[in-house]
């Protein structure tokens, strides 16, 4: 049995998996909001909760990155991937917020299609 001289931290992959699932959930909730524009405040609140969970995952990745000597990917790549996933959820939340702020009564067909693409 071969052992490496320095252990590699493999938890990043699990955290990325959690972040990706969270992005999918946030995107699904935005799509649901657009397609069925009822109970808007509750749906927006749920999107905010998912985005908050995403912030926590991103924080966990950054914390682990700062505590890990040998990473399975370049540090910059880990940081960039975590930031990109977080940016998607930030955008989803921003869209939902704007629908509430501007008191949109019904999303346009284009907005519905864009949410479906996301």
PDB file of N, CA and C in Angstrom:
ATOM      1  N   UNK A   1       0.845  -1.165   0.000  1.00  0.00           N
ATOM      2  CA  UNK A   1       0.000   0.000   0.000  1.00  0.00           C
ATOM      3  C   UNK A   1       0.896   1.236   0.000  1.00  0.00           C
ATOM      4  N   UNK A   2       0.607   2.156  -0.928  1.00  0.00           N
ATOM      5  CA  UNK A   2       1.424   3.369  -1.057  1.00  0.00           C
ATOM      6  C   UNK A   2       0.754   4.524  -0.315  1.00  0.00           C
ATOM      7  N   UNK A   3       1.555   5.278   0.377  1.00  0.00           N
ATOM      8  CA  UNK A   3       1.060   6.462   1.065  1.00  0.00           C
ATOM      9  C   UNK A   3       1.788   7.685   0.515  1.00  0.00           C
ATOM     10  N   UNK A   4       1.059   8.785   0.339  1.00  0.00           N
ATOM     11  CA  UNK A   4       1.689  10.022  -0.109  1.00  0.00           C
ATOM     12  C   UNK A   4       2.399  10.684   1.047  1.00  0.00           C
ATOM     13  N   UNK A   5       3.361  11.491   0.737  1.00  0.00           N
ATOM     14  CA  UNK A   5       4.081  12.201   1.780  1.00  0.00           C
ATOM     15  C   UNK A   5       3.206  13.257   2.443  1.00  0.00           C
ATOM     16  N   UNK A   6       2.370  13.918   1.641  1.00  0.00           N
ATOM     17  CA  UNK A   6       1.489  14.945   2.177  1.00  0.00           C
ATOM     18  C   UNK A   6       0.049  14.598   1.830  1.00  0.00           C
ATOM     19  N   UNK A   7      -0.829  14.650   2.810  1.00  0.00           N
ATOM     20  CA  UNK A   7      -2.226  14.319   2.508  1.00  0.00           C
ATOM     21  C   UNK A   7      -2.885  15.420   1.669  1.00  0.00           C
ATOM     22  N   UNK A   8      -3.729  14.993   0.731  1.00  0.00           N
ATOM     23  CA  UNK A   8      -4.492  15.943  -0.068  1.00  0.00           C
ATOM     24  C   UNK A   8      -5.882  16.084   0.516  1.00  0.00           C
ATOM     25  N   UNK A   9      -6.361  17.290   0.537  1.00  0.00           N
ATOM     26  CA  UNK A   9      -7.699  17.572   1.045  1.00  0.00           C
ATOM     27  C   UNK A   9      -8.712  17.306  -0.065  1.00  0.00           C
ATOM     28  N   UNK A  10      -9.550  16.311   0.106  1.00  0.00           N
ATOM     29  CA  UNK A  10     -10.527  15.928  -0.905  1.00  0.00           C
ATOM     30  C   UNK A  10     -11.915  16.500  -0.625  1.00  0.00           C
ATOM     31  N   UNK A  11     -12.097  17.172   0.503  1.00  0.00           N
ATOM     32  CA  UNK A  11     -13.420  17.686   0.874  1.00  0.00           C
ATOM     33  C   UNK A  11     -13.902  18.775  -0.077  1.00  0.00           C
ATOM     34  N   UNK A  12     -12.999  19.391  -0.828  1.00  0.00           N
ATOM     35  CA  UNK A  12     -13.409  20.438  -1.766  1.00  0.00           C
ATOM     36  C   UNK A  12     -14.426  19.913  -2.769  1.00  0.00           C
ATOM     37  N   UNK A  13     -14.231  18.694  -3.226  1.00  0.00           N
ATOM     38  CA  UNK A  13     -15.141  18.135  -4.229  1.00  0.00           C
ATOM     39  C   UNK A  13     -16.552  17.972  -3.673  1.00  0.00           C
ATOM     40  N   UNK A  14     -16.648  17.568  -2.427  1.00  0.00           N
ATOM     41  CA  UNK A  14     -17.973  17.446  -1.794  1.00  0.00           C
ATOM     42  C   UNK A  14     -18.608  18.828  -1.619  1.00  0.00           C
ATOM     43  N   UNK A  15     -17.817  19.803  -1.242  1.00  0.00           N
ATOM     44  CA  UNK A  15     -18.351  21.157  -1.100  1.00  0.00           C
ATOM     45  C   UNK A  15     -18.796  21.725  -2.445  1.00  0.00           C
ATOM     46  N   UNK A  16     -18.026  21.455  -3.510  1.00  0.00           N
ATOM     47  CA  UNK A  16     -18.440  21.905  -4.844  1.00  0.00           C
ATOM     48  C   UNK A  16     -19.731  21.218  -5.277  1.00  0.00           C
ATOM     49  N   UNK A  17     -19.857  19.958  -4.923  1.00  0.00           N
ATOM     50  CA  UNK A  17     -21.080  19.221  -5.241  1.00  0.00           C
ATOM     51  C   UNK A  17     -22.272  19.852  -4.512  1.00  0.00           C
ATOM     52  N   UNK A  18     -22.094  20.177  -3.249  1.00  0.00           N
ATOM     53  CA  UNK A  18     -23.162  20.841  -2.485  1.00  0.00           C
ATOM     54  C   UNK A  18     -23.506  22.197  -3.094  1.00  0.00           C
ATOM     55  N   UNK A  19     -22.474  22.949  -3.474  1.00  0.00           N
ATOM     56  CA  UNK A  19     -22.701  24.274  -4.067  1.00  0.00           C
ATOM     57  C   UNK A  19     -23.456  24.142  -5.391  1.00  0.00           C
ATOM     58  N   UNK A  20     -23.092  23.169  -6.207  1.00  0.00           N
ATOM     59  CA  UNK A  20     -23.764  22.977  -7.493  1.00  0.00           C
ATOM     60  C   UNK A  20     -25.225  22.588  -7.298  1.00  0.00           C
ATOM     61  N   UNK A  21     -25.488  21.702  -6.352  1.00  0.00           N
ATOM     62  CA  UNK A  21     -26.877  21.320  -6.069  1.00  0.00           C
ATOM     63  C   UNK A  21     -27.674  22.521  -5.566  1.00  0.00           C
ATOM     64  N   UNK A  22     -27.033  23.367  -4.787  1.00  0.00           N
ATOM     65  CA  UNK A  22     -27.700  24.554  -4.273  1.00  0.00           C
ATOM     66  C   UNK A  22     -28.013  25.544  -5.397  1.00  0.00           C
ATOM     67  N   UNK A  23     -27.098  25.688  -6.348  1.00  0.00           N
ATOM     68  CA  UNK A  23     -27.337  26.550  -7.509  1.00  0.00           C
ATOM     69  C   UNK A  23     -28.516  26.013  -8.315  1.00  0.00           C
ATOM     70  N   UNK A  24     -28.569  24.714  -8.487  1.00  0.00           N
ATOM     71  CA  UNK A  24     -29.687  24.098  -9.213  1.00  0.00           C
ATOM     72  C   UNK A  24     -30.996  24.372  -8.487  1.00  0.00           C
ATOM     73  N   UNK A  25     -30.989  24.262  -7.170  1.00  0.00           N
ATOM     74  CA  UNK A  25     -32.201  24.513  -6.382  1.00  0.00           C
ATOM     75  C   UNK A  25     -32.641  25.971  -6.511  1.00  0.00           C
ATOM     76  N   UNK A  26     -31.699  26.894  -6.402  1.00  0.00           N
ATOM     77  CA  UNK A  26     -32.040  28.305  -6.546  1.00  0.00           C
ATOM     78  C   UNK A  26     -32.587  28.620  -7.934  1.00  0.00           C
ATOM     79  N   UNK A  27     -31.987  28.046  -8.942  1.00  0.00           N
ATOM     80  CA  UNK A  27     -32.449  28.246 -10.320  1.00  0.00           C
ATOM     81  C   UNK A  27     -33.835  27.649 -10.526  1.00  0.00           C
ATOM     82  N   UNK A  28     -34.049  26.478  -9.941  1.00  0.00           N
ATOM     83  CA  UNK A  28     -35.365  25.832 -10.039  1.00  0.00           C
ATOM     84  C   UNK A  28     -36.439  26.696  -9.372  1.00  0.00           C
ATOM     85  N   UNK A  29     -36.104  27.267  -8.231  1.00  0.00           N
ATOM     86  CA  UNK A  29     -37.062  28.126  -7.530  1.00  0.00           C
ATOM     87  C   UNK A  29     -37.379  29.392  -8.329  1.00  0.00           C
ATOM     88  N   UNK A  30     -36.379  29.962  -8.993  1.00  0.00           N
ATOM     89  CA  UNK A  30     -36.630  31.130  -9.834  1.00  0.00           C
ATOM     90  C   UNK A  30     -37.528  30.762 -11.009  1.00  0.00           C
ATOM     91  N   UNK A  31     -37.264  29.619 -11.615  1.00  0.00           N
ATOM     92  CA  UNK A  31     -38.090  29.140 -12.731  1.00  0.00           C
ATOM     93  C   UNK A  31     -39.531  28.934 -12.263  1.00  0.00           C
ATOM     94  N   UNK A  32     -39.675  28.334 -11.085  1.00  0.00           N
ATOM     95  CA  UNK A  32     -41.009  28.109 -10.521  1.00  0.00           C
ATOM     96  C   UNK A  32     -41.725  29.435 -10.261  1.00  0.00           C
ATOM     97  N   UNK A  33     -40.996  30.414  -9.740  1.00  0.00           N
ATOM     98  CA  UNK A  33     -41.563  31.741  -9.502  1.00  0.00           C
ATOM     99  C   UNK A  33     -42.065  32.352 -10.806  1.00  0.00           C
ATOM    100  N   UNK A  34     -41.269  32.252 -11.855  1.00  0.00           N
ATOM    101  CA  UNK A  34     -41.638  32.854 -13.139  1.00  0.00           C
ATOM    102  C   UNK A  34     -42.826  32.152 -13.788  1.00  0.00           C
ATOM    103  N   UNK A  35     -42.843  30.844 -13.685  1.00  0.00           N
ATOM    104  CA  UNK A  35     -43.900  30.077 -14.358  1.00  0.00           C
ATOM    105  C   UNK A  35     -45.223  30.108 -13.607  1.00  0.00           C
ATOM    106  N   UNK A  36     -45.156  30.228 -12.288  1.00  0.00           N
ATOM    107  CA  UNK A  36     -46.366  30.267 -11.469  1.00  0.00           C
ATOM    108  C   UNK A  36     -46.244  31.470 -10.527  1.00  0.00           C
ATOM    109  N   UNK A  37     -46.614  32.617 -11.024  1.00  0.00           N
ATOM    110  CA  UNK A  37     -46.379  33.873 -10.314  1.00  0.00           C
ATOM    111  C   UNK A  37     -47.468  34.111  -9.267  1.00  0.00           C
ATOM    112  N   UNK A  38     -47.509  33.216  -8.298  1.00  0.00           N
ATOM    113  CA  UNK A  38     -48.411  33.324  -7.153  1.00  0.00           C
ATOM    114  C   UNK A  38     -47.567  33.146  -5.895  1.00  0.00           C
ATOM    115  N   UNK A  39     -48.085  33.602  -4.762  1.00  0.00           N
ATOM    116  CA  UNK A  39     -47.344  33.505  -3.490  1.00  0.00           C
ATOM    117  C   UNK A  39     -45.923  34.051  -3.642  1.00  0.00           C
ATOM    118  N   UNK A  40     -45.819  35.169  -4.330  1.00  0.00           N
ATOM    119  CA  UNK A  40     -44.516  35.736  -4.687  1.00  0.00           C
ATOM    120  C   UNK A  40     -43.635  36.004  -3.463  1.00  0.00           C
ATOM    121  N   UNK A  41     -44.130  36.669  -2.411  1.00  0.00           N
ATOM    122  CA  UNK A  41     -43.234  36.928  -1.264  1.00  0.00           C
ATOM    123  C   UNK A  41     -42.656  35.656  -0.646  1.00  0.00           C
ATOM    124  N   UNK A  42     -43.459  34.609  -0.546  1.00  0.00           N
ATOM    125  CA  UNK A  42     -42.974  33.350   0.033  1.00  0.00           C
ATOM    126  C   UNK A  42     -41.913  32.709  -0.867  1.00  0.00           C
ATOM    127  N   UNK A  43     -42.134  32.766  -2.177  1.00  0.00           N
ATOM    128  CA  UNK A  43     -41.167  32.177  -3.104  1.00  0.00           C
ATOM    129  C   UNK A  43     -39.863  32.957  -3.101  1.00  0.00           C
ATOM    130  N   UNK A  44     -39.955  34.266  -3.016  1.00  0.00           N
ATOM    131  CA  UNK A  44     -38.744  35.089  -2.956  1.00  0.00           C
ATOM    132  C   UNK A  44     -37.993  34.813  -1.659  1.00  0.00           C
ATOM    133  N   UNK A  45     -38.703  34.652  -0.572  1.00  0.00           N
ATOM    134  CA  UNK A  45     -38.059  34.342   0.708  1.00  0.00           C
ATOM    135  C   UNK A  45     -37.321  33.012   0.639  1.00  0.00           C
ATOM    136  N   UNK A  46     -37.910  32.036  -0.025  1.00  0.00           N
ATOM    137  CA  UNK A  46     -37.259  30.723  -0.170  1.00  0.00           C
ATOM    138  C   UNK A  46     -35.981  30.847  -1.008  1.00  0.00           C
ATOM    139  N   UNK A  47     -36.028  31.678  -2.056  1.00  0.00           N
ATOM    140  CA  UNK A  47     -34.829  31.916  -2.871  1.00  0.00           C
ATOM    141  C   UNK A  47     -33.741  32.553  -2.009  1.00  0.00           C
ATOM    142  N   UNK A  48     -34.122  33.489  -1.149  1.00  0.00           N
ATOM    143  CA  UNK A  48     -33.158  34.129  -0.252  1.00  0.00           C
ATOM    144  C   UNK A  48     -32.530  33.108   0.697  1.00  0.00           C
ATOM    145  N   UNK A  49     -33.323  32.171   1.184  1.00  0.00           N
ATOM    146  CA  UNK A  49     -32.805  31.128   2.073  1.00  0.00           C
ATOM    147  C   UNK A  49     -31.771  30.264   1.352  1.00  0.00           C
ATOM    148  N   UNK A  50     -32.071  29.893   0.122  1.00  0.00           N
ATOM    149  CA  UNK A  50     -31.146  29.064  -0.659  1.00  0.00           C
ATOM    150  C   UNK A  50     -29.857  29.841  -0.930  1.00  0.00           C
ATOM    151  N   UNK A  51     -29.985  31.128  -1.238  1.00  0.00           N
ATOM    152  CA  UNK A  51     -28.800  31.955  -1.484  1.00  0.00           C
ATOM    153  C   UNK A  51     -27.959  32.055  -0.218  1.00  0.00           C
ATOM    154  N   UNK A  52     -28.607  32.164   0.935  1.00  0.00           N
ATOM    155  CA  UNK A  52     -27.890  32.224   2.213  1.00  0.00           C
ATOM    156  C   UNK A  52     -27.124  30.916   2.464  1.00  0.00           C
ATOM    157  N   UNK A  53     -27.740  29.800   2.133  1.00  0.00           N
ATOM    158  CA  UNK A  53     -27.056  28.503   2.253  1.00  0.00           C
ATOM    159  C   UNK A  53     -25.821  28.491   1.344  1.00  0.00           C
ATOM    160  N   UNK A  54     -25.989  29.021   0.134  1.00  0.00           N
ATOM    161  CA  UNK A  54     -24.862  29.095  -0.800  1.00  0.00           C
ATOM    162  C   UNK A  54     -23.720  29.939  -0.259  1.00  0.00           C
ATOM    163  N   UNK A  55     -24.056  31.045   0.394  1.00  0.00           N
ATOM    164  CA  UNK A  55     -23.015  31.875   1.013  1.00  0.00           C
ATOM    165  C   UNK A  55     -22.252  31.074   2.069  1.00  0.00           C
ATOM    166  N   UNK A  56     -22.975  30.257   2.817  1.00  0.00           N
ATOM    167  CA  UNK A  56     -22.327  29.425   3.831  1.00  0.00           C
ATOM    168  C   UNK A  56     -21.382  28.406   3.218  1.00  0.00           C
ATOM    169  N   UNK A  57     -21.793  27.800   2.123  1.00  0.00           N
ATOM    170  CA  UNK A  57     -20.933  26.824   1.440  1.00  0.00           C
ATOM    171  C   UNK A  57     -19.683  27.521   0.913  1.00  0.00           C
ATOM    172  N   UNK A  58     -19.864  28.691   0.318  1.00  0.00           N
ATOM    173  CA  UNK A  58     -18.719  29.448  -0.201  1.00  0.00           C
ATOM    174  C   UNK A  58     -17.768  29.818   0.936  1.00  0.00           C
ATOM    175  N   UNK A  59     -18.327  30.195   2.068  1.00  0.00           N
ATOM    176  CA  UNK A  59     -17.505  30.510   3.246  1.00  0.00           C
ATOM    177  C   UNK A  59     -16.728  29.270   3.701  1.00  0.00           C
ATOM    178  N   UNK A  60     -17.403  28.110   3.706  1.00  0.00           N
ATOM    179  CA  UNK A  60     -16.731  26.868   4.104  1.00  0.00           C
ATOM    180  C   UNK A  60     -15.575  26.541   3.161  1.00  0.00           C
ATOM    181  N   UNK A  61     -15.777  26.757   1.867  1.00  0.00           N
ATOM    182  CA  UNK A  61     -14.714  26.489   0.896  1.00  0.00           C
ATOM    183  C   UNK A  61     -13.529  27.423   1.156  1.00  0.00           C
ATOM    184  N   UNK A  62     -13.806  28.711   1.365  1.00  0.00           N
ATOM    185  CA  UNK A  62     -12.731  29.672   1.618  1.00  0.00           C
ATOM    186  C   UNK A  62     -11.983  29.339   2.907  1.00  0.00           C
ATOM    187  N   UNK A  63     -12.722  28.967   3.940  1.00  0.00           N
ATOM    188  CA  UNK A  63     -12.102  28.603   5.209  1.00  0.00           C
ATOM    189  C   UNK A  63     -11.203  27.382   5.043  1.00  0.00           C
ATOM    190  N   UNK A  64     -11.720  26.368   4.364  1.00  0.00           N
ATOM    191  CA  UNK A  64     -10.938  25.149   4.148  1.00  0.00           C
ATOM    192  C   UNK A  64      -9.710  25.448   3.275  1.00  0.00           C
ATOM    193  N   UNK A  65      -9.888  26.336   2.306  1.00  0.00           N
ATOM    194  CA  UNK A  65      -8.776  26.704   1.429  1.00  0.00           C
ATOM    195  C   UNK A  65      -7.651  27.358   2.237  1.00  0.00           C
ATOM    196  N   UNK A  66      -8.024  28.182   3.201  1.00  0.00           N
ATOM    197  CA  UNK A  66      -7.030  28.851   4.038  1.00  0.00           C
ATOM    198  C   UNK A  66      -6.359  27.913   5.036  1.00  0.00           C
ATOM    199  N   UNK A  67      -6.996  26.777   5.313  1.00  0.00           N
ATOM    200  CA  UNK A  67      -6.457  25.837   6.290  1.00  0.00           C
ATOM    201  C   UNK A  67      -5.745  24.646   5.650  1.00  0.00           C
ATOM    202  N   UNK A  68      -5.762  24.566   4.338  1.00  0.00           N
ATOM    203  CA  UNK A  68      -5.229  23.399   3.644  1.00  0.00           C
ATOM    204  C   UNK A  68      -3.900  23.740   2.985  1.00  0.00           C
ATOM    205  N   UNK A  69      -2.919  22.895   3.239  1.00  0.00           N
ATOM    206  CA  UNK A  69      -1.601  23.111   2.651  1.00  0.00           C
ATOM    207  C   UNK A  69      -1.557  22.619   1.210  1.00  0.00           C
ATOM    208  N   UNK A  70      -2.013  21.401   0.974  1.00  0.00           N
ATOM    209  CA  UNK A  70      -1.957  20.799  -0.350  1.00  0.00           C
ATOM    210  C   UNK A  70      -3.381  20.601  -0.858  1.00  0.00           C
ATOM    211  N   UNK A  71      -3.747  21.321  -1.889  1.00  0.00           N
ATOM    212  CA  UNK A  71      -5.108  21.260  -2.421  1.00  0.00           C
ATOM    213  C   UNK A  71      -5.140  20.386  -3.673  1.00  0.00           C
ATOM    214  N   UNK A  72      -6.296  19.776  -3.977  1.00  0.00           N
ATOM    215  CA  UNK A  72      -6.389  18.900  -5.153  1.00  0.00           C
ATOM    216  C   UNK A  72      -6.383  19.673  -6.472  1.00  0.00           C
ATOM    217  N   UNK A  73      -6.670  20.964  -6.435  1.00  0.00           N
ATOM    218  CA  UNK A  73      -6.643  21.853  -7.598  1.00  0.00           C
ATOM    219  C   UNK A  73      -5.864  23.098  -7.204  1.00  0.00           C
ATOM    220  N   UNK A  74      -5.517  23.910  -8.167  1.00  0.00           N
ATOM    221  CA  UNK A  74      -4.859  25.174  -7.840  1.00  0.00           C
ATOM    222  C   UNK A  74      -5.759  26.008  -6.945  1.00  0.00           C
ATOM    223  N   UNK A  75      -5.162  26.689  -6.016  1.00  0.00           N
ATOM    224  CA  UNK A  75      -5.921  27.521  -5.079  1.00  0.00           C
ATOM    225  C   UNK A  75      -6.781  28.547  -5.821  1.00  0.00           C
ATOM    226  N   UNK A  76      -6.214  29.156  -6.846  1.00  0.00           N
ATOM    227  CA  UNK A  76      -6.948  30.162  -7.610  1.00  0.00           C
ATOM    228  C   UNK A  76      -8.169  29.552  -8.290  1.00  0.00           C
ATOM    229  N   UNK A  77      -8.018  28.332  -8.793  1.00  0.00           N
ATOM    230  CA  UNK A  77      -9.130  27.658  -9.461  1.00  0.00           C
ATOM    231  C   UNK A  77     -10.247  27.332  -8.473  1.00  0.00           C
ATOM    232  N   UNK A  78      -9.865  26.894  -7.286  1.00  0.00           N
ATOM    233  CA  UNK A  78     -10.860  26.601  -6.253  1.00  0.00           C
ATOM    234  C   UNK A  78     -11.608  27.878  -5.887  1.00  0.00           C
ATOM    235  N   UNK A  79     -10.873  28.949  -5.677  1.00  0.00           N
ATOM    236  CA  UNK A  79     -11.490  30.227  -5.324  1.00  0.00           C
ATOM    237  C   UNK A  79     -12.394  30.715  -6.449  1.00  0.00           C
ATOM    238  N   UNK A  80     -11.920  30.657  -7.692  1.00  0.00           N
ATOM    239  CA  UNK A  80     -12.702  31.139  -8.834  1.00  0.00           C
ATOM    240  C   UNK A  80     -13.983  30.324  -9.031  1.00  0.00           C
ATOM    241  N   UNK A  81     -13.896  29.005  -8.874  1.00  0.00           N
ATOM    242  CA  UNK A  81     -15.078  28.162  -9.036  1.00  0.00           C
ATOM    243  C   UNK A  81     -16.100  28.444  -7.931  1.00  0.00           C
ATOM    244  N   UNK A  82     -15.632  28.554  -6.708  1.00  0.00           N
ATOM    245  CA  UNK A  82     -16.539  28.856  -5.599  1.00  0.00           C
ATOM    246  C   UNK A  82     -17.200  30.220  -5.805  1.00  0.00           C
ATOM    247  N   UNK A  83     -16.431  31.199  -6.247  1.00  0.00           N
ATOM    248  CA  UNK A  83     -16.976  32.545  -6.480  1.00  0.00           C
ATOM    249  C   UNK A  83     -17.987  32.541  -7.622  1.00  0.00           C
ATOM    250  N   UNK A  84     -17.702  31.798  -8.675  1.00  0.00           N
ATOM    251  CA  UNK A  84     -18.617  31.747  -9.814  1.00  0.00           C
ATOM    252  C   UNK A  84     -19.949  31.110  -9.424  1.00  0.00           C
ATOM    253  N   UNK A  85     -19.905  30.041  -8.657  1.00  0.00           N
ATOM    254  CA  UNK A  85     -21.145  29.409  -8.207  1.00  0.00           C
ATOM    255  C   UNK A  85     -21.933  30.354  -7.302  1.00  0.00           C
ATOM    256  N   UNK A  86     -21.237  31.071  -6.439  1.00  0.00           N
ATOM    257  CA  UNK A  86     -21.897  32.030  -5.563  1.00  0.00           C
ATOM    258  C   UNK A  86     -22.497  33.187  -6.366  1.00  0.00           C
ATOM    259  N   UNK A  87     -21.805  33.615  -7.412  1.00  0.00           N
ATOM    260  CA  UNK A  87     -22.305  34.709  -8.253  1.00  0.00           C
ATOM    261  C   UNK A  87     -23.620  34.339  -8.943  1.00  0.00           C
ATOM    262  N   UNK A  88     -23.764  33.081  -9.329  1.00  0.00           N
ATOM    263  CA  UNK A  88     -25.011  32.648  -9.964  1.00  0.00           C
ATOM    264  C   UNK A  88     -26.169  32.809  -8.993  1.00  0.00           C
ATOM    265  N   UNK A  89     -25.983  32.342  -7.768  1.00  0.00           N
ATOM    266  CA  UNK A  89     -27.048  32.475  -6.766  1.00  0.00           C
ATOM    267  C   UNK A  89     -27.313  33.933  -6.404  1.00  0.00           C
ATOM    268  N   UNK A  90     -26.264  34.740  -6.378  1.00  0.00           N
ATOM    269  CA  UNK A  90     -26.460  36.168  -6.121  1.00  0.00           C
ATOM    270  C   UNK A  90     -27.332  36.782  -7.213  1.00  0.00           C
ATOM    271  N   UNK A  91     -27.100  36.402  -8.458  1.00  0.00           N
ATOM    272  CA  UNK A  91     -27.895  36.930  -9.573  1.00  0.00           C
ATOM    273  C   UNK A  91     -29.339  36.454  -9.493  1.00  0.00           C
ATOM    274  N   UNK A  92     -29.542  35.187  -9.140  1.00  0.00           N
ATOM    275  CA  UNK A  92     -30.902  34.653  -8.990  1.00  0.00           C
ATOM    276  C   UNK A  92     -31.647  35.444  -7.917  1.00  0.00           C
ATOM    277  N   UNK A  93     -30.991  35.674  -6.785  1.00  0.00           N
ATOM    278  CA  UNK A  93     -31.627  36.436  -5.712  1.00  0.00           C
ATOM    279  C   UNK A  93     -31.903  37.870  -6.150  1.00  0.00           C
ATOM    280  N   UNK A  94     -30.981  38.476  -6.892  1.00  0.00           N
ATOM    281  CA  UNK A  94     -31.165  39.857  -7.354  1.00  0.00           C
ATOM    282  C   UNK A  94     -32.369  39.973  -8.287  1.00  0.00           C
ATOM    283  N   UNK A  95     -32.551  38.996  -9.150  1.00  0.00           N
ATOM    284  CA  UNK A  95     -33.714  39.006 -10.044  1.00  0.00           C
ATOM    285  C   UNK A  95     -34.995  38.921  -9.227  1.00  0.00           C
ATOM    286  N   UNK A  96     -35.034  37.988  -8.298  1.00  0.00           N
ATOM    287  CA  UNK A  96     -36.228  37.827  -7.460  1.00  0.00           C
ATOM    288  C   UNK A  96     -36.502  39.103  -6.662  1.00  0.00           C
ATOM    289  N   UNK A  97     -35.455  39.702  -6.109  1.00  0.00           N
ATOM    290  CA  UNK A  97     -35.616  40.953  -5.358  1.00  0.00           C
ATOM    291  C   UNK A  97     -36.196  42.066  -6.229  1.00  0.00           C
ATOM    292  N   UNK A  98     -35.721  42.164  -7.436  1.00  0.00           N
ATOM    293  CA  UNK A  98     -36.192  43.236  -8.320  1.00  0.00           C
ATOM    294  C   UNK A  98     -37.675  43.066  -8.673  1.00  0.00           C
ATOM    295  N   UNK A  99     -38.098  41.835  -8.780  1.00  0.00           N
ATOM    296  CA  UNK A  99     -39.523  41.605  -9.044  1.00  0.00           C
ATOM    297  C   UNK A  99     -40.359  42.141  -7.885  1.00  0.00           C
ATOM    298  N   UNK A 100     -39.852  42.004  -6.666  1.00  0.00           N
ATOM    299  CA  UNK A 100     -40.579  42.520  -5.500  1.00  0.00           C
ATOM    300  C   UNK A 100     -40.442  44.037  -5.392  1.00  0.00           C
ATOM    301  N   UNK A 101     -39.231  44.538  -5.560  1.00  0.00           N
ATOM    302  CA  UNK A 101     -38.980  45.980  -5.403  1.00  0.00           C
ATOM    303  C   UNK A 101     -39.808  46.791  -6.394  1.00  0.00           C
ATOM    304  N   UNK A 102     -39.838  46.333  -7.642  1.00  0.00           N
ATOM    305  CA  UNK A 102     -40.550  47.078  -8.685  1.00  0.00           C
ATOM    306  C   UNK A 102     -42.019  46.670  -8.811  1.00  0.00           C
ATOM    307  N   UNK A 103     -42.458  45.813  -7.896  1.00  0.00           N
ATOM    308  CA  UNK A 103     -43.859  45.392  -7.841  1.00  0.00           C
ATOM    309  C   UNK A 103     -44.363  44.890  -9.202  1.00  0.00           C
ATOM    310  N   UNK A 104     -43.587  43.983  -9.771  1.00  0.00           N
ATOM    311  CA  UNK A 104     -43.944  43.395 -11.053  1.00  0.00           C
ATOM    312  C   UNK A 104     -45.189  42.538 -10.849  1.00  0.00           C
ATOM    313  N   UNK A 105     -46.190  42.759 -11.676  1.00  0.00           N
ATOM    314  CA  UNK A 105     -47.440  42.006 -11.527  1.00  0.00           C
ATOM    315  C   UNK A 105     -47.401  40.671 -12.251  1.00  0.00           C
ATOM    316  N   UNK A 106     -46.587  40.588 -13.304  1.00  0.00           N
ATOM    317  CA  UNK A 106     -46.476  39.338 -14.066  1.00  0.00           C
ATOM    318  C   UNK A 106     -45.177  39.371 -14.864  1.00  0.00           C
ATOM    319  N   UNK A 107     -44.380  38.313 -14.830  1.00  0.00           N
ATOM    320  CA  UNK A 107     -43.151  38.314 -15.630  1.00  0.00           C
ATOM    321  C   UNK A 107     -43.477  38.227 -17.121  1.00  0.00           C
ATOM    322  N   UNK A 108     -42.601  38.782 -17.926  1.00  0.00           N
ATOM    323  CA  UNK A 108     -42.798  38.715 -19.374  1.00  0.00           C
ATOM    324  C   UNK A 108     -42.485  37.310 -19.862  1.00  0.00           C
ATOM    325  N   UNK A 109     -42.975  36.936 -21.025  1.00  0.00           N
ATOM    326  CA  UNK A 109     -42.628  35.618 -21.579  1.00  0.00           C
ATOM    327  C   UNK A 109     -41.104  35.444 -21.746  1.00  0.00           C
ATOM    328  N   UNK A 110     -40.425  36.531 -22.070  1.00  0.00           N
ATOM    329  CA  UNK A 110     -38.963  36.453 -22.206  1.00  0.00           C
ATOM    330  C   UNK A 110     -38.312  36.130 -20.864  1.00  0.00           C
ATOM    331  N   UNK A 111     -38.778  36.732 -19.793  1.00  0.00           N
ATOM    332  CA  UNK A 111     -38.238  36.461 -18.458  1.00  0.00           C
ATOM    333  C   UNK A 111     -38.473  35.000 -18.074  1.00  0.00           C
ATOM    334  N   UNK A 112     -39.631  34.487 -18.427  1.00  0.00           N
ATOM    335  CA  UNK A 112     -39.950  33.082 -18.130  1.00  0.00           C
ATOM    336  C   UNK A 112     -38.990  32.158 -18.895  1.00  0.00           C
ATOM    337  N   UNK A 113     -38.739  32.480 -20.160  1.00  0.00           N
ATOM    338  CA  UNK A 113     -37.815  31.657 -20.963  1.00  0.00           C
ATOM    339  C   UNK A 113     -36.393  31.735 -20.415  1.00  0.00           C
ATOM    340  N   UNK A 114     -35.966  32.933 -20.028  1.00  0.00           N
ATOM    341  CA  UNK A 114     -34.623  33.071 -19.473  1.00  0.00           C
ATOM    342  C   UNK A 114     -34.463  32.282 -18.181  1.00  0.00           C
ATOM    343  N   UNK A 115     -35.470  32.289 -17.336  1.00  0.00           N
ATOM    344  CA  UNK A 115     -35.411  31.503 -16.102  1.00  0.00           C
ATOM    345  C   UNK A 115     -35.349  30.008 -16.418  1.00  0.00           C
ATOM    346  N   UNK A 116     -36.063  29.589 -17.465  1.00  0.00           N
ATOM    347  CA  UNK A 116     -36.027  28.171 -17.860  1.00  0.00           C
ATOM    348  C   UNK A 116     -34.640  27.796 -18.377  1.00  0.00           C
ATOM    349  N   UNK A 117     -33.980  28.710 -19.074  1.00  0.00           N
ATOM    350  CA  UNK A 117     -32.637  28.435 -19.573  1.00  0.00           C
ATOM    351  C   UNK A 117     -31.656  28.281 -18.422  1.00  0.00           C
ATOM    352  N   UNK A 118     -31.791  29.134 -17.431  1.00  0.00           N
ATOM    353  CA  UNK A 118     -30.897  29.076 -16.270  1.00  0.00           C
ATOM    354  C   UNK A 118     -31.048  27.744 -15.565  1.00  0.00           C
TER     355      UNK A 118
END
